[in-house]
N, C-alpha and C. Protein backbone atom coordinates (compact mmCIF):
# COMPACT_ATOMS: atom_id res chain seq x y z
N UNK A 1 0.83 -1.17 0.00
CA UNK A 1 0.00 0.00 0.00
C UNK A 1 0.89 1.24 0.00
N UNK A 2 0.45 2.27 -0.66
CA UNK A 2 1.19 3.51 -0.81
C UNK A 2 0.93 4.42 0.39
N UNK A 3 1.99 4.86 1.06
CA UNK A 3 1.89 5.82 2.15
C UNK A 3 2.55 7.11 1.69
N UNK A 4 1.86 8.24 1.88
CA UNK A 4 2.42 9.49 1.39
C UNK A 4 3.63 9.92 2.20
N UNK A 5 4.37 10.87 1.64
CA UNK A 5 5.63 11.31 2.22
C UNK A 5 5.45 11.95 3.60
N UNK A 6 4.36 12.71 3.78
CA UNK A 6 4.12 13.36 5.06
C UNK A 6 3.94 12.35 6.18
N UNK A 7 3.18 11.28 5.90
CA UNK A 7 2.98 10.24 6.92
C UNK A 7 4.29 9.55 7.25
N UNK A 8 5.08 9.26 6.24
CA UNK A 8 6.37 8.62 6.48
C UNK A 8 7.26 9.48 7.37
N UNK A 9 7.29 10.78 7.07
CA UNK A 9 8.11 11.68 7.88
C UNK A 9 7.61 11.76 9.32
N UNK A 10 6.28 11.80 9.52
CA UNK A 10 5.72 11.83 10.87
C UNK A 10 6.08 10.58 11.64
N UNK A 11 5.97 9.43 10.98
CA UNK A 11 6.27 8.16 11.64
C UNK A 11 7.74 8.11 12.04
N UNK A 12 8.63 8.46 11.13
CA UNK A 12 10.06 8.41 11.42
C UNK A 12 10.42 9.40 12.53
N UNK A 13 9.82 10.58 12.48
CA UNK A 13 10.06 11.58 13.52
C UNK A 13 9.59 11.06 14.89
N UNK A 14 8.44 10.43 14.91
CA UNK A 14 7.90 9.88 16.16
C UNK A 14 8.81 8.78 16.70
N UNK A 15 9.29 7.93 15.82
CA UNK A 15 10.16 6.82 16.26
C UNK A 15 11.48 7.36 16.77
N UNK A 16 12.04 8.37 16.08
CA UNK A 16 13.32 8.91 16.51
C UNK A 16 13.20 9.67 17.83
N UNK A 17 12.08 10.33 18.06
CA UNK A 17 11.92 11.09 19.31
C UNK A 17 11.49 10.21 20.48
N UNK A 18 10.53 9.32 20.25
CA UNK A 18 10.01 8.48 21.34
C UNK A 18 10.66 7.11 21.38
N UNK A 19 11.13 6.62 20.27
CA UNK A 19 11.92 5.40 20.24
C UNK A 19 11.16 4.10 20.20
N UNK A 20 9.88 4.08 19.99
CA UNK A 20 9.14 2.83 19.98
C UNK A 20 8.49 2.60 18.61
N UNK A 21 8.98 1.62 17.92
CA UNK A 21 8.44 1.29 16.60
C UNK A 21 7.04 0.68 16.75
N UNK A 22 6.85 -0.13 17.76
CA UNK A 22 5.56 -0.79 17.96
C UNK A 22 4.45 0.22 18.24
N UNK A 23 4.73 1.20 19.10
CA UNK A 23 3.72 2.22 19.40
C UNK A 23 3.42 3.07 18.17
N UNK A 24 4.46 3.40 17.42
CA UNK A 24 4.26 4.20 16.21
C UNK A 24 3.43 3.44 15.19
N UNK A 25 3.65 2.14 15.09
CA UNK A 25 2.87 1.35 14.13
C UNK A 25 1.40 1.29 14.54
N UNK A 26 1.13 1.25 15.85
CA UNK A 26 -0.26 1.24 16.31
C UNK A 26 -0.92 2.59 16.11
N UNK A 27 -0.19 3.65 16.42
CA UNK A 27 -0.76 5.00 16.31
C UNK A 27 -1.08 5.36 14.86
N UNK A 28 -0.15 5.12 13.97
CA UNK A 28 -0.30 5.56 12.58
C UNK A 28 -0.90 4.50 11.67
N UNK A 29 -1.05 3.28 12.15
CA UNK A 29 -1.65 2.23 11.33
C UNK A 29 -0.74 1.74 10.21
N UNK A 30 0.54 1.71 10.50
CA UNK A 30 1.54 1.27 9.53
C UNK A 30 2.23 0.04 10.11
N UNK A 31 2.57 -0.90 9.25
CA UNK A 31 3.21 -2.12 9.75
C UNK A 31 4.62 -1.82 10.27
N UNK A 32 5.05 -2.62 11.21
CA UNK A 32 6.39 -2.45 11.77
C UNK A 32 7.45 -2.68 10.71
N UNK A 33 7.21 -3.63 9.81
CA UNK A 33 8.19 -3.91 8.75
C UNK A 33 8.41 -2.68 7.87
N UNK A 34 7.32 -1.95 7.58
CA UNK A 34 7.46 -0.73 6.78
C UNK A 34 8.28 0.31 7.51
N UNK A 35 8.05 0.44 8.81
CA UNK A 35 8.80 1.44 9.59
C UNK A 35 10.28 1.09 9.62
N UNK A 36 10.59 -0.18 9.86
CA UNK A 36 12.00 -0.59 9.86
C UNK A 36 12.63 -0.37 8.48
N UNK A 37 11.89 -0.61 7.43
CA UNK A 37 12.40 -0.38 6.07
C UNK A 37 12.65 1.11 5.84
N UNK A 38 11.75 1.95 6.32
CA UNK A 38 11.92 3.40 6.16
C UNK A 38 13.12 3.90 6.96
N UNK A 39 13.37 3.30 8.09
CA UNK A 39 14.50 3.74 8.91
C UNK A 39 15.84 3.48 8.23
N UNK A 40 15.93 2.47 7.40
CA UNK A 40 17.18 2.15 6.73
C UNK A 40 17.39 2.95 5.44
N UNK A 41 16.35 3.58 4.95
CA UNK A 41 16.45 4.31 3.69
C UNK A 41 16.96 5.73 3.91
N UNK A 42 17.67 6.24 2.92
CA UNK A 42 18.14 7.62 2.96
C UNK A 42 17.02 8.56 2.53
N UNK A 43 16.29 8.18 1.51
CA UNK A 43 15.23 9.01 0.96
C UNK A 43 13.89 8.34 1.24
N UNK A 44 12.97 9.07 1.83
CA UNK A 44 11.68 8.48 2.20
C UNK A 44 10.65 8.52 1.07
N UNK A 45 11.00 9.12 -0.07
CA UNK A 45 10.05 9.18 -1.17
C UNK A 45 9.72 7.77 -1.64
N UNK A 46 8.46 7.51 -1.98
CA UNK A 46 8.08 6.18 -2.45
C UNK A 46 8.70 5.90 -3.81
N UNK A 47 9.14 4.67 -4.01
CA UNK A 47 9.71 4.29 -5.30
C UNK A 47 8.57 3.97 -6.26
N UNK A 48 8.72 4.40 -7.48
CA UNK A 48 7.70 4.17 -8.50
C UNK A 48 8.23 3.11 -9.46
N UNK A 49 7.51 2.02 -9.57
CA UNK A 49 7.90 0.94 -10.46
C UNK A 49 7.25 1.18 -11.81
N UNK A 50 8.08 1.36 -12.83
CA UNK A 50 7.54 1.64 -14.16
C UNK A 50 7.10 0.36 -14.86
N UNK A 51 7.87 -0.69 -14.71
CA UNK A 51 7.56 -1.94 -15.39
C UNK A 51 7.99 -3.08 -14.50
N UNK A 52 7.09 -4.01 -14.28
CA UNK A 52 7.42 -5.20 -13.50
C UNK A 52 7.81 -6.33 -14.45
N UNK A 53 8.94 -6.93 -14.18
CA UNK A 53 9.41 -8.02 -15.00
C UNK A 53 8.59 -9.27 -14.70
N UNK A 54 8.04 -9.84 -15.71
CA UNK A 54 7.29 -11.07 -15.57
C UNK A 54 8.11 -12.21 -16.15
N UNK A 55 8.00 -13.36 -15.55
CA UNK A 55 8.78 -14.49 -16.00
C UNK A 55 8.22 -15.07 -17.29
N UNK A 56 6.92 -14.97 -17.47
CA UNK A 56 6.25 -15.59 -18.61
C UNK A 56 6.06 -14.55 -19.72
N UNK A 57 6.55 -14.86 -20.89
CA UNK A 57 6.39 -13.99 -22.05
C UNK A 57 5.09 -14.38 -22.74
N UNK A 58 4.09 -13.51 -22.67
CA UNK A 58 2.76 -13.85 -23.18
C UNK A 58 2.74 -13.94 -24.70
N UNK A 59 3.52 -13.15 -25.39
CA UNK A 59 3.53 -13.23 -26.86
C UNK A 59 4.14 -14.55 -27.31
N UNK A 60 5.18 -15.02 -26.61
CA UNK A 60 5.76 -16.33 -26.94
C UNK A 60 4.78 -17.44 -26.61
N UNK A 61 4.03 -17.29 -25.53
CA UNK A 61 3.01 -18.28 -25.18
C UNK A 61 1.92 -18.33 -26.24
N UNK A 62 1.50 -17.18 -26.73
CA UNK A 62 0.47 -17.14 -27.76
C UNK A 62 0.97 -17.81 -29.05
N UNK A 63 2.22 -17.54 -29.43
CA UNK A 63 2.79 -18.21 -30.61
C UNK A 63 2.85 -19.72 -30.41
N UNK A 64 3.20 -20.14 -29.19
CA UNK A 64 3.28 -21.56 -28.90
C UNK A 64 1.90 -22.22 -28.98
N UNK A 65 0.87 -21.51 -28.55
CA UNK A 65 -0.49 -22.05 -28.63
C UNK A 65 -0.88 -22.24 -30.09
N UNK A 66 -0.52 -21.30 -30.94
CA UNK A 66 -0.85 -21.42 -32.36
C UNK A 66 -0.06 -22.56 -33.01
N UNK A 67 1.23 -22.67 -32.67
CA UNK A 67 2.08 -23.71 -33.27
C UNK A 67 1.78 -25.09 -32.71
N UNK A 68 1.49 -25.20 -31.43
CA UNK A 68 1.25 -26.49 -30.78
C UNK A 68 -0.09 -26.46 -30.03
N UNK A 69 -1.20 -26.54 -30.74
CA UNK A 69 -2.49 -26.41 -30.05
C UNK A 69 -2.85 -27.60 -29.17
N UNK A 70 -2.20 -28.73 -29.35
CA UNK A 70 -2.56 -29.93 -28.59
C UNK A 70 -1.76 -30.10 -27.30
N UNK A 71 -0.82 -29.22 -27.01
CA UNK A 71 -0.04 -29.35 -25.78
C UNK A 71 -0.93 -29.12 -24.56
N UNK A 72 -0.63 -29.84 -23.50
CA UNK A 72 -1.37 -29.69 -22.25
C UNK A 72 -0.73 -28.58 -21.43
N UNK A 73 -1.45 -28.13 -20.40
CA UNK A 73 -0.97 -27.04 -19.57
C UNK A 73 0.36 -27.38 -18.90
N UNK A 74 0.49 -28.60 -18.42
CA UNK A 74 1.72 -28.98 -17.73
C UNK A 74 2.90 -29.01 -18.70
N UNK A 75 2.65 -29.40 -19.94
CA UNK A 75 3.73 -29.40 -20.94
C UNK A 75 4.17 -27.97 -21.24
N UNK A 76 3.21 -27.06 -21.35
CA UNK A 76 3.55 -25.66 -21.60
C UNK A 76 4.29 -25.06 -20.39
N UNK A 77 3.85 -25.42 -19.20
CA UNK A 77 4.50 -24.91 -17.99
C UNK A 77 5.96 -25.36 -17.94
N UNK A 78 6.22 -26.60 -18.26
CA UNK A 78 7.59 -27.11 -18.28
C UNK A 78 8.41 -26.42 -19.37
N UNK A 79 7.78 -26.16 -20.51
CA UNK A 79 8.46 -25.53 -21.62
C UNK A 79 8.89 -24.10 -21.28
N UNK A 80 8.03 -23.37 -20.56
CA UNK A 80 8.32 -21.97 -20.24
C UNK A 80 8.95 -21.80 -18.87
N UNK A 81 9.06 -22.87 -18.09
CA UNK A 81 9.69 -22.79 -16.79
C UNK A 81 8.86 -22.09 -15.73
N UNK A 82 7.54 -22.23 -15.82
CA UNK A 82 6.63 -21.63 -14.83
C UNK A 82 5.70 -22.70 -14.30
N UNK A 83 4.80 -22.31 -13.40
CA UNK A 83 3.85 -23.27 -12.85
C UNK A 83 2.61 -23.35 -13.74
N UNK A 84 1.84 -24.38 -13.53
CA UNK A 84 0.60 -24.56 -14.27
C UNK A 84 -0.39 -23.43 -14.00
N UNK A 85 -0.55 -22.98 -12.74
CA UNK A 85 -1.45 -21.84 -12.52
C UNK A 85 -1.03 -20.56 -13.26
N UNK A 86 0.27 -20.38 -13.48
CA UNK A 86 0.73 -19.21 -14.24
C UNK A 86 0.26 -19.28 -15.68
N UNK A 87 0.32 -20.48 -16.27
CA UNK A 87 -0.17 -20.66 -17.64
C UNK A 87 -1.67 -20.47 -17.68
N UNK A 88 -2.37 -21.04 -16.70
CA UNK A 88 -3.82 -20.91 -16.64
C UNK A 88 -4.23 -19.45 -16.50
N UNK A 89 -3.53 -18.71 -15.65
CA UNK A 89 -3.82 -17.29 -15.46
C UNK A 89 -3.59 -16.52 -16.76
N UNK A 90 -2.50 -16.82 -17.44
CA UNK A 90 -2.21 -16.13 -18.71
C UNK A 90 -3.28 -16.44 -19.74
N UNK A 91 -3.70 -17.69 -19.81
CA UNK A 91 -4.76 -18.05 -20.76
C UNK A 91 -6.05 -17.29 -20.45
N UNK A 92 -6.37 -17.18 -19.16
CA UNK A 92 -7.59 -16.49 -18.77
C UNK A 92 -7.52 -15.01 -19.16
N UNK A 93 -6.35 -14.39 -18.94
CA UNK A 93 -6.19 -12.98 -19.30
C UNK A 93 -6.16 -12.77 -20.81
N UNK A 94 -5.66 -13.78 -21.55
CA UNK A 94 -5.59 -13.69 -23.01
C UNK A 94 -6.88 -14.16 -23.67
N UNK A 95 -7.83 -14.60 -22.84
CA UNK A 95 -9.12 -15.11 -23.31
C UNK A 95 -8.95 -16.31 -24.26
N UNK A 96 -8.06 -17.21 -23.86
CA UNK A 96 -7.86 -18.47 -24.57
C UNK A 96 -8.50 -19.56 -23.73
N UNK A 97 -9.45 -20.27 -24.31
CA UNK A 97 -10.08 -21.35 -23.57
C UNK A 97 -9.19 -22.57 -23.62
N UNK A 98 -9.23 -23.34 -22.55
CA UNK A 98 -8.35 -24.50 -22.48
C UNK A 98 -8.92 -25.66 -23.27
N UNK A 99 -8.01 -26.55 -23.66
CA UNK A 99 -8.40 -27.74 -24.38
C UNK A 99 -9.09 -28.68 -23.41
N UNK A 100 -10.13 -29.32 -23.86
CA UNK A 100 -10.84 -30.26 -23.00
C UNK A 100 -9.98 -31.47 -22.72
N UNK A 101 -10.26 -32.15 -21.63
CA UNK A 101 -9.46 -33.29 -21.20
C UNK A 101 -9.68 -34.46 -22.14
N UNK A 102 -8.66 -34.82 -22.88
CA UNK A 102 -8.77 -35.94 -23.81
C UNK A 102 -8.48 -37.26 -23.12
N UNK A 103 -7.97 -37.21 -21.86
CA UNK A 103 -7.64 -38.43 -21.13
C UNK A 103 -8.90 -39.27 -20.91
N UNK A 104 -10.01 -38.65 -20.57
CA UNK A 104 -11.25 -39.38 -20.32
C UNK A 104 -11.73 -40.06 -21.59
N UNK A 105 -11.58 -39.40 -22.72
CA UNK A 105 -11.99 -40.00 -24.00
C UNK A 105 -11.09 -41.18 -24.33
N UNK A 106 -9.78 -41.02 -24.14
CA UNK A 106 -8.85 -42.13 -24.41
C UNK A 106 -9.14 -43.31 -23.50
N UNK A 107 -9.48 -43.05 -22.23
CA UNK A 107 -9.77 -44.12 -21.29
C UNK A 107 -11.02 -44.90 -21.72
N UNK A 108 -12.04 -44.20 -22.20
CA UNK A 108 -13.26 -44.87 -22.66
C UNK A 108 -12.97 -45.75 -23.87
N UNK A 109 -12.13 -45.29 -24.76
CA UNK A 109 -11.78 -46.08 -25.95
C UNK A 109 -11.07 -47.35 -25.54
N UNK A 110 -10.14 -47.25 -24.58
CA UNK A 110 -9.41 -48.43 -24.11
C UNK A 110 -10.36 -49.40 -23.42
N UNK A 111 -11.32 -48.93 -22.64
CA UNK A 111 -12.26 -49.79 -21.95
C UNK A 111 -13.17 -50.54 -22.93
N UNK A 112 -13.55 -49.90 -24.02
CA UNK A 112 -14.43 -50.53 -25.02
C UNK A 112 -13.71 -51.66 -25.72
N UNK A 113 -12.42 -51.51 -25.91
CA UNK A 113 -11.67 -52.57 -26.62
C UNK A 113 -11.48 -53.72 -25.73
């Protein structure tokens, strides 16, 4: 959660004058971990993240879906080095419906024979 610069300065000032991180966290409603992190920083301004690096390249995943439409989620996850939920999440965001389970169909064919 984003805390403005004025609040950060008030919290740090309170901790430096009174010396209790726990009391300051209760008074201002800020976690103790945030206060300890602010105490170690030189500049209290919040850092702005312009771009978050994602492990999964969605354009490469989309190309892979077009080239290999029969691959299962676990095969794609192993190919891209991510977990199955990461592939599932990407498919949901890309509005790609998953392939139906062909294992049940194969099992029925084997049972009939």
